[in-house]
Amino acid sequence: TPLNCGPQLRVLLQRPANEKLLLLLPVGYPKKD
């Protein structure tokens, strides 16, 4: 939950003003270690 990053990420991803970032999930396989 990237605190206080919502507005910047919204602009970066070109999302409209009615959208607010709620959650960010990095997705993949775990490293072997």
ModelCIF file with pLDDT and N, C-alpha, C, O atoms, coordinates in Angstrom:
data_MODEL
#
_entry.id   MODEL 
#
_entity.id                         1 
_entity.type                       polymer 
_entity.pdbx_number_of_molecules   1 
#
_entity_poly.entity_id                      1 
_entity_poly.type                           'polypeptide(L)' 
_entity_poly.nstd_linkage                   no 
_entity_poly.nstd_monomer                   no 
_entity_poly.pdbx_seq_one_letter_code       TPLNCGPQLRVLLQRPANEKLLLLLPVGYPKKD 
_entity_poly.pdbx_seq_one_letter_code_can   TPLNCGPQLRVLLQRPANEKLLLLLPVGYPKKD 
_entity_poly.pdbx_strand_id                 A 
#
loop_
_entity_poly_seq.entity_id 
_entity_poly_seq.num 
_entity_poly_seq.mon_id 
_entity_poly_seq.hetero 
1 1  THR n 
1 2  PRO n 
1 3  LEU n 
1 4  ASN n 
1 5  CYS n 
1 6  GLY n 
1 7  PRO n 
1 8  GLN n 
1 9  LEU n 
1 10 ARG n 
1 11 VAL n 
1 12 LEU n 
1 13 LEU n 
1 14 GLN n 
1 15 ARG n 
1 16 PRO n 
1 17 ALA n 
1 18 ASN n 
1 19 GLU n 
1 20 LYS n 
1 21 LEU n 
1 22 LEU n 
1 23 LEU n 
1 24 LEU n 
1 25 LEU n 
1 26 PRO n 
1 27 VAL n 
1 28 GLY n 
1 29 TYR n 
1 30 PRO n 
1 31 LYS n 
1 32 LYS n 
1 33 ASP n 
#
_struct_asym.id          A 
_struct_asym.entity_id   1 
#
loop_
_ma_qa_metric.id 
_ma_qa_metric.mode 
_ma_qa_metric.name 
_ma_qa_metric.software_group_id 
_ma_qa_metric.type 
1 global pLDDT . pLDDT 
2 local  pLDDT . pLDDT 
#
_ma_qa_metric_global.metric_id      1 
_ma_qa_metric_global.metric_value   93.73 
_ma_qa_metric_global.model_id       1 
_ma_qa_metric_global.ordinal_id     1 
#
loop_
_ma_qa_metric_local.label_asym_id 
_ma_qa_metric_local.label_comp_id 
_ma_qa_metric_local.label_seq_id 
_ma_qa_metric_local.metric_id 
_ma_qa_metric_local.metric_value 
_ma_qa_metric_local.model_id 
_ma_qa_metric_local.ordinal_id 
A THR 1  2 86.00 1 1  
A PRO 2  2 81.00 1 2  
A LEU 3  2 82.00 1 3  
A ASN 4  2 83.00 1 4  
A CYS 5  2 86.00 1 5  
A GLY 6  2 90.00 1 6  
A PRO 7  2 92.00 1 7  
A GLN 8  2 92.00 1 8  
A LEU 9  2 95.00 1 9  
A ARG 10 2 95.00 1 10 
A VAL 11 2 95.00 1 11 
A LEU 12 2 96.00 1 12 
A LEU 13 2 97.00 1 13 
A GLN 14 2 96.00 1 14 
A ARG 15 2 97.00 1 15 
A PRO 16 2 95.00 1 16 
A ALA 17 2 93.00 1 17 
A ASN 18 2 95.00 1 18 
A GLU 19 2 96.00 1 19 
A LYS 20 2 96.00 1 20 
A LEU 21 2 95.00 1 21 
A LEU 22 2 95.00 1 22 
A LEU 23 2 96.00 1 23 
A LEU 24 2 96.00 1 24 
A LEU 25 2 98.00 1 25 
A PRO 26 2 98.00 1 26 
A VAL 27 2 98.00 1 27 
A GLY 28 2 98.00 1 28 
A TYR 29 2 98.00 1 29 
A PRO 30 2 97.00 1 30 
A LYS 31 2 96.00 1 31 
A LYS 32 2 95.00 1 32 
A ASP 33 2 95.00 1 33 
#
loop_
_atom_site.group_PDB 
_atom_site.id 
_atom_site.type_symbol 
_atom_site.label_atom_id 
_atom_site.label_alt_id 
_atom_site.label_comp_id 
_atom_site.label_asym_id 
_atom_site.label_entity_id 
_atom_site.label_seq_id 
_atom_site.pdbx_PDB_ins_code 
_atom_site.Cartn_x 
_atom_site.Cartn_y 
_atom_site.Cartn_z 
_atom_site.occupancy 
_atom_site.B_iso_or_equiv 
_atom_site.pdbx_formal_charge 
_atom_site.auth_seq_id 
_atom_site.auth_comp_id 
_atom_site.auth_asym_id 
_atom_site.auth_atom_id 
_atom_site.pdbx_PDB_model_num 
ATOM 1   N N  . THR A 1 1  ? 0.869   -1.185  0.000   1.00 86.00 ? 1  THR A N  1 
ATOM 2   C CA . THR A 1 1  ? 0.000   0.000   0.000   1.00 86.00 ? 1  THR A CA 1 
ATOM 3   C C  . THR A 1 1  ? 0.906   1.236   0.000   1.00 86.00 ? 1  THR A C  1 
ATOM 4   O O  . THR A 1 1  ? 1.221   1.773   1.062   1.00 86.00 ? 1  THR A O  1 
ATOM 5   N N  . PRO A 1 2  ? 1.320   1.681   -1.171  1.00 81.00 ? 2  PRO A N  1 
ATOM 6   C CA . PRO A 1 2  ? 2.313   2.765   -1.265  1.00 81.00 ? 2  PRO A CA 1 
ATOM 7   C C  . PRO A 1 2  ? 1.755   4.104   -0.792  1.00 81.00 ? 2  PRO A C  1 
ATOM 8   O O  . PRO A 1 2  ? 1.128   4.837   -1.556  1.00 81.00 ? 2  PRO A O  1 
ATOM 9   N N  . LEU A 1 3  ? 1.991   4.403   0.461   1.00 82.00 ? 3  LEU A N  1 
ATOM 10  C CA . LEU A 1 3  ? 1.462   5.592   1.123   1.00 82.00 ? 3  LEU A CA 1 
ATOM 11  C C  . LEU A 1 3  ? 1.927   6.876   0.435   1.00 82.00 ? 3  LEU A C  1 
ATOM 12  O O  . LEU A 1 3  ? 3.120   7.101   0.233   1.00 82.00 ? 3  LEU A O  1 
ATOM 13  N N  . ASN A 1 4  ? 0.943   7.711   0.083   1.00 83.00 ? 4  ASN A N  1 
ATOM 14  C CA . ASN A 1 4  ? 1.191   9.022   -0.532  1.00 83.00 ? 4  ASN A CA 1 
ATOM 15  C C  . ASN A 1 4  ? 1.823   8.956   -1.928  1.00 83.00 ? 4  ASN A C  1 
ATOM 16  O O  . ASN A 1 4  ? 2.395   9.936   -2.406  1.00 83.00 ? 4  ASN A O  1 
ATOM 17  N N  . CYS A 1 5  ? 1.714   7.798   -2.568  1.00 86.00 ? 5  CYS A N  1 
ATOM 18  C CA . CYS A 1 5  ? 2.232   7.661   -3.937  1.00 86.00 ? 5  CYS A CA 1 
ATOM 19  C C  . CYS A 1 5  ? 1.115   7.719   -4.976  1.00 86.00 ? 5  CYS A C  1 
ATOM 20  O O  . CYS A 1 5  ? 1.384   7.848   -6.171  1.00 86.00 ? 5  CYS A O  1 
ATOM 21  N N  . GLY A 1 6  ? -0.133  7.624   -4.529  1.00 90.00 ? 6  GLY A N  1 
ATOM 22  C CA . GLY A 1 6  ? -1.259  7.510   -5.443  1.00 90.00 ? 6  GLY A CA 1 
ATOM 23  C C  . GLY A 1 6  ? -1.303  8.547   -6.548  1.00 90.00 ? 6  GLY A C  1 
ATOM 24  O O  . GLY A 1 6  ? -1.372  8.178   -7.720  1.00 90.00 ? 6  GLY A O  1 
ATOM 25  N N  . PRO A 1 7  ? -1.266  9.841   -6.215  1.00 92.00 ? 7  PRO A N  1 
ATOM 26  C CA . PRO A 1 7  ? -1.365  10.853  -7.274  1.00 92.00 ? 7  PRO A CA 1 
ATOM 27  C C  . PRO A 1 7  ? -0.264  10.749  -8.320  1.00 92.00 ? 7  PRO A C  1 
ATOM 28  O O  . PRO A 1 7  ? -0.531  10.871  -9.516  1.00 92.00 ? 7  PRO A O  1 
ATOM 29  N N  . GLN A 1 8  ? 0.984   10.523  -7.876  1.00 92.00 ? 8  GLN A N  1 
ATOM 30  C CA . GLN A 1 8  ? 2.089   10.429  -8.837  1.00 92.00 ? 8  GLN A CA 1 
ATOM 31  C C  . GLN A 1 8  ? 1.949   9.197   -9.730  1.00 92.00 ? 8  GLN A C  1 
ATOM 32  O O  . GLN A 1 8  ? 2.181   9.269   -10.937 1.00 92.00 ? 8  GLN A O  1 
ATOM 33  N N  . LEU A 1 9  ? 1.573   8.081   -9.136  1.00 95.00 ? 9  LEU A N  1 
ATOM 34  C CA . LEU A 1 9  ? 1.426   6.858   -9.927  1.00 95.00 ? 9  LEU A CA 1 
ATOM 35  C C  . LEU A 1 9  ? 0.234   6.957   -10.869 1.00 95.00 ? 9  LEU A C  1 
ATOM 36  O O  . LEU A 1 9  ? 0.253   6.406   -11.969 1.00 95.00 ? 9  LEU A O  1 
ATOM 37  N N  . ARG A 1 10 ? -0.801  7.663   -10.429 1.00 95.00 ? 10 ARG A N  1 
ATOM 38  C CA . ARG A 1 10 ? -1.969  7.850   -11.292 1.00 95.00 ? 10 ARG A CA 1 
ATOM 39  C C  . ARG A 1 10 ? -1.582  8.652   -12.543 1.00 95.00 ? 10 ARG A C  1 
ATOM 40  O O  . ARG A 1 10 ? -2.012  8.337   -13.653 1.00 95.00 ? 10 ARG A O  1 
ATOM 41  N N  . VAL A 1 11 ? -0.776  9.676   -12.346 1.00 95.00 ? 11 VAL A N  1 
ATOM 42  C CA . VAL A 1 11 ? -0.321  10.487  -13.483 1.00 95.00 ? 11 VAL A CA 1 
ATOM 43  C C  . VAL A 1 11 ? 0.602   9.666   -14.381 1.00 95.00 ? 11 VAL A C  1 
ATOM 44  O O  . VAL A 1 11 ? 0.476   9.695   -15.605 1.00 95.00 ? 11 VAL A O  1 
ATOM 45  N N  . LEU A 1 12 ? 1.524   8.939   -13.768 1.00 96.00 ? 12 LEU A N  1 
ATOM 46  C CA . LEU A 1 12 ? 2.468   8.128   -14.531 1.00 96.00 ? 12 LEU A CA 1 
ATOM 47  C C  . LEU A 1 12 ? 1.742   7.112   -15.410 1.00 96.00 ? 12 LEU A C  1 
ATOM 48  O O  . LEU A 1 12 ? 2.127   6.884   -16.557 1.00 96.00 ? 12 LEU A O  1 
ATOM 49  N N  . LEU A 1 13 ? 0.692   6.506   -14.864 1.00 97.00 ? 13 LEU A N  1 
ATOM 50  C CA . LEU A 1 13 ? -0.048  5.468   -15.587 1.00 97.00 ? 13 LEU A CA 1 
ATOM 51  C C  . LEU A 1 13 ? -1.215  6.032   -16.394 1.00 97.00 ? 13 LEU A C  1 
ATOM 52  O O  . LEU A 1 13 ? -1.987  5.285   -16.996 1.00 97.00 ? 13 LEU A O  1 
ATOM 53  N N  . GLN A 1 14 ? -1.333  7.364   -16.397 1.00 96.00 ? 14 GLN A N  1 
ATOM 54  C CA . GLN A 1 14 ? -2.350  8.058   -17.189 1.00 96.00 ? 14 GLN A CA 1 
ATOM 55  C C  . GLN A 1 14 ? -3.766  7.594   -16.834 1.00 96.00 ? 14 GLN A C  1 
ATOM 56  O O  . GLN A 1 14 ? -4.595  7.341   -17.708 1.00 96.00 ? 14 GLN A O  1 
ATOM 57  N N  . ARG A 1 15 ? -4.016  7.491   -15.535 1.00 97.00 ? 15 ARG A N  1 
ATOM 58  C CA . ARG A 1 15 ? -5.342  7.131   -15.073 1.00 97.00 ? 15 ARG A CA 1 
ATOM 59  C C  . ARG A 1 15 ? -6.142  8.407   -14.784 1.00 97.00 ? 15 ARG A C  1 
ATOM 60  O O  . ARG A 1 15 ? -5.558  9.422   -14.406 1.00 97.00 ? 15 ARG A O  1 
ATOM 61  N N  . PRO A 1 16 ? -7.470  8.371   -14.956 1.00 95.00 ? 16 PRO A N  1 
ATOM 62  C CA . PRO A 1 16 ? -8.293  9.564   -14.736 1.00 95.00 ? 16 PRO A CA 1 
ATOM 63  C C  . PRO A 1 16 ? -8.397  9.923   -13.252 1.00 95.00 ? 16 PRO A C  1 
ATOM 64  O O  . PRO A 1 16 ? -8.065  9.127   -12.374 1.00 95.00 ? 16 PRO A O  1 
ATOM 65  N N  . ALA A 1 17 ? -8.870  11.148  -13.001 1.00 93.00 ? 17 ALA A N  1 
ATOM 66  C CA . ALA A 1 17 ? -8.905  11.674  -11.636 1.00 93.00 ? 17 ALA A CA 1 
ATOM 67  C C  . ALA A 1 17 ? -9.876  10.929  -10.727 1.00 93.00 ? 17 ALA A C  1 
ATOM 68  O O  . ALA A 1 17 ? -9.751  11.009  -9.505  1.00 93.00 ? 17 ALA A O  1 
ATOM 69  N N  . ASN A 1 18 ? -10.836 10.208  -11.293 1.00 95.00 ? 18 ASN A N  1 
ATOM 70  C CA . ASN A 1 18 ? -11.813 9.496   -10.456 1.00 95.00 ? 18 ASN A CA 1 
ATOM 71  C C  . ASN A 1 18 ? -11.268 8.170   -9.939  1.00 95.00 ? 18 ASN A C  1 
ATOM 72  O O  . ASN A 1 18 ? -11.962 7.461   -9.210  1.00 95.00 ? 18 ASN A O  1 
ATOM 73  N N  . GLU A 1 19 ? -10.035 7.825   -10.305 1.00 96.00 ? 19 GLU A N  1 
ATOM 74  C CA . GLU A 1 19 ? -9.433  6.584   -9.838  1.00 96.00 ? 19 GLU A CA 1 
ATOM 75  C C  . GLU A 1 19 ? -8.385  6.863   -8.766  1.00 96.00 ? 19 GLU A C  1 
ATOM 76  O O  . GLU A 1 19 ? -7.534  7.736   -8.933  1.00 96.00 ? 19 GLU A O  1 
ATOM 77  N N  . LYS A 1 20 ? -8.453  6.120   -7.671  1.00 96.00 ? 20 LYS A N  1 
ATOM 78  C CA . LYS A 1 20 ? -7.517  6.265   -6.560  1.00 96.00 ? 20 LYS A CA 1 
ATOM 79  C C  . LYS A 1 20 ? -6.821  4.925   -6.331  1.00 96.00 ? 20 LYS A C  1 
ATOM 80  O O  . LYS A 1 20 ? -7.477  3.884   -6.276  1.00 96.00 ? 20 LYS A O  1 
ATOM 81  N N  . LEU A 1 21 ? -5.508  4.949   -6.199  1.00 95.00 ? 21 LEU A N  1 
ATOM 82  C CA . LEU A 1 21 ? -4.745  3.722   -6.013  1.00 95.00 ? 21 LEU A CA 1 
ATOM 83  C C  . LEU A 1 21 ? -5.029  3.121   -4.645  1.00 95.00 ? 21 LEU A C  1 
ATOM 84  O O  . LEU A 1 21 ? -4.893  3.789   -3.620  1.00 95.00 ? 21 LEU A O  1 
ATOM 85  N N  . LEU A 1 22 ? -5.424  1.856   -4.640  1.00 95.00 ? 22 LEU A N  1 
ATOM 86  C CA . LEU A 1 22 ? -5.736  1.170   -3.387  1.00 95.00 ? 22 LEU A CA 1 
ATOM 87  C C  . LEU A 1 22 ? -4.648  0.172   -3.002  1.00 95.00 ? 22 LEU A C  1 
ATOM 88  O O  . LEU A 1 22 ? -4.305  0.049   -1.826  1.00 95.00 ? 22 LEU A O  1 
ATOM 89  N N  . LEU A 1 23 ? -4.108  -0.537  -3.985  1.00 96.00 ? 23 LEU A N  1 
ATOM 90  C CA . LEU A 1 23 ? -3.153  -1.601  -3.676  1.00 96.00 ? 23 LEU A CA 1 
ATOM 91  C C  . LEU A 1 23 ? -2.207  -1.814  -4.848  1.00 96.00 ? 23 LEU A C  1 
ATOM 92  O O  . LEU A 1 23 ? -2.588  -1.660  -6.008  1.00 96.00 ? 23 LEU A O  1 
ATOM 93  N N  . LEU A 1 24 ? -0.963  -2.171  -4.525  1.00 96.00 ? 24 LEU A N  1 
ATOM 94  C CA . LEU A 1 24 ? 0.035   -2.481  -5.545  1.00 96.00 ? 24 LEU A CA 1 
ATOM 95  C C  . LEU A 1 24 ? 0.556   -3.887  -5.248  1.00 96.00 ? 24 LEU A C  1 
ATOM 96  O O  . LEU A 1 24 ? 1.051   -4.149  -4.152  1.00 96.00 ? 24 LEU A O  1 
ATOM 97  N N  . LEU A 1 25 ? 0.444   -4.788  -6.223  1.00 98.00 ? 25 LEU A N  1 
ATOM 98  C CA . LEU A 1 25 ? 0.876   -6.171  -6.038  1.00 98.00 ? 25 LEU A CA 1 
ATOM 99  C C  . LEU A 1 25 ? 1.974   -6.527  -7.037  1.00 98.00 ? 25 LEU A C  1 
ATOM 100 O O  . LEU A 1 25 ? 1.710   -6.586  -8.238  1.00 98.00 ? 25 LEU A O  1 
ATOM 101 N N  . PRO A 1 26 ? 3.205   -6.768  -6.566  1.00 98.00 ? 26 PRO A N  1 
ATOM 102 C CA . PRO A 1 26 ? 4.208   -7.362  -7.446  1.00 98.00 ? 26 PRO A CA 1 
ATOM 103 C C  . PRO A 1 26 ? 3.898   -8.854  -7.525  1.00 98.00 ? 26 PRO A C  1 
ATOM 104 O O  . PRO A 1 26 ? 3.664   -9.489  -6.497  1.00 98.00 ? 26 PRO A O  1 
ATOM 105 N N  . VAL A 1 27 ? 3.894   -9.412  -8.714  1.00 98.00 ? 27 VAL A N  1 
ATOM 106 C CA . VAL A 1 27 ? 3.449   -10.801 -8.900  1.00 98.00 ? 27 VAL A CA 1 
ATOM 107 C C  . VAL A 1 27 ? 4.511   -11.613 -9.618  1.00 98.00 ? 27 VAL A C  1 
ATOM 108 O O  . VAL A 1 27 ? 5.046   -11.185 -10.641 1.00 98.00 ? 27 VAL A O  1 
ATOM 109 N N  . GLY A 1 28 ? 4.816   -12.794 -9.075  1.00 98.00 ? 28 GLY A N  1 
ATOM 110 C CA . GLY A 1 28 ? 5.775   -13.677 -9.722  1.00 98.00 ? 28 GLY A CA 1 
ATOM 111 C C  . GLY A 1 28 ? 6.028   -14.913 -8.889  1.00 98.00 ? 28 GLY A C  1 
ATOM 112 O O  . GLY A 1 28 ? 5.255   -15.250 -7.993  1.00 98.00 ? 28 GLY A O  1 
ATOM 113 N N  . TYR A 1 29 ? 7.137   -15.589 -9.204  1.00 98.00 ? 29 TYR A N  1 
ATOM 114 C CA . TYR A 1 29 ? 7.570   -16.761 -8.439  1.00 98.00 ? 29 TYR A CA 1 
ATOM 115 C C  . TYR A 1 29 ? 8.576   -16.297 -7.380  1.00 98.00 ? 29 TYR A C  1 
ATOM 116 O O  . TYR A 1 29 ? 9.287   -15.315 -7.592  1.00 98.00 ? 29 TYR A O  1 
ATOM 117 N N  . PRO A 1 30 ? 8.638   -16.985 -6.260  1.00 97.00 ? 30 PRO A N  1 
ATOM 118 C CA . PRO A 1 30 ? 9.653   -16.606 -5.261  1.00 97.00 ? 30 PRO A CA 1 
ATOM 119 C C  . PRO A 1 30 ? 11.053  -16.991 -5.721  1.00 97.00 ? 30 PRO A C  1 
ATOM 120 O O  . PRO A 1 30 ? 11.230  -17.979 -6.434  1.00 97.00 ? 30 PRO A O  1 
ATOM 121 N N  . LYS A 1 31 ? 12.054  -16.202 -5.309  1.00 96.00 ? 31 LYS A N  1 
ATOM 122 C CA . LYS A 1 31 ? 13.439  -16.575 -5.582  1.00 96.00 ? 31 LYS A CA 1 
ATOM 123 C C  . LYS A 1 31 ? 13.770  -17.871 -4.848  1.00 96.00 ? 31 LYS A C  1 
ATOM 124 O O  . LYS A 1 31 ? 13.128  -18.213 -3.855  1.00 96.00 ? 31 LYS A O  1 
ATOM 125 N N  . LYS A 1 32 ? 14.764  -18.581 -5.338  1.00 95.00 ? 32 LYS A N  1 
ATOM 126 C CA . LYS A 1 32 ? 15.133  -19.851 -4.725  1.00 95.00 ? 32 LYS A CA 1 
ATOM 127 C C  . LYS A 1 32 ? 15.605  -19.672 -3.284  1.00 95.00 ? 32 LYS A C  1 
ATOM 128 O O  . LYS A 1 32 ? 15.434  -20.567 -2.457  1.00 95.00 ? 32 LYS A O  1 
ATOM 129 N N  . ASP A 1 33 ? 16.200  -18.512 -2.984  1.00 95.00 ? 33 ASP A N  1 
ATOM 130 C CA . ASP A 1 33 ? 16.679  -18.258 -1.628  1.00 95.00 ? 33 ASP A CA 1 
ATOM 131 C C  . ASP A 1 33 ? 15.739  -17.330 -0.847  1.00 95.00 ? 33 ASP A C  1 
ATOM 132 O O  . ASP A 1 33 ? 16.003  -17.019 0.314   1.00 95.00 ? 33 ASP A O  1 
#
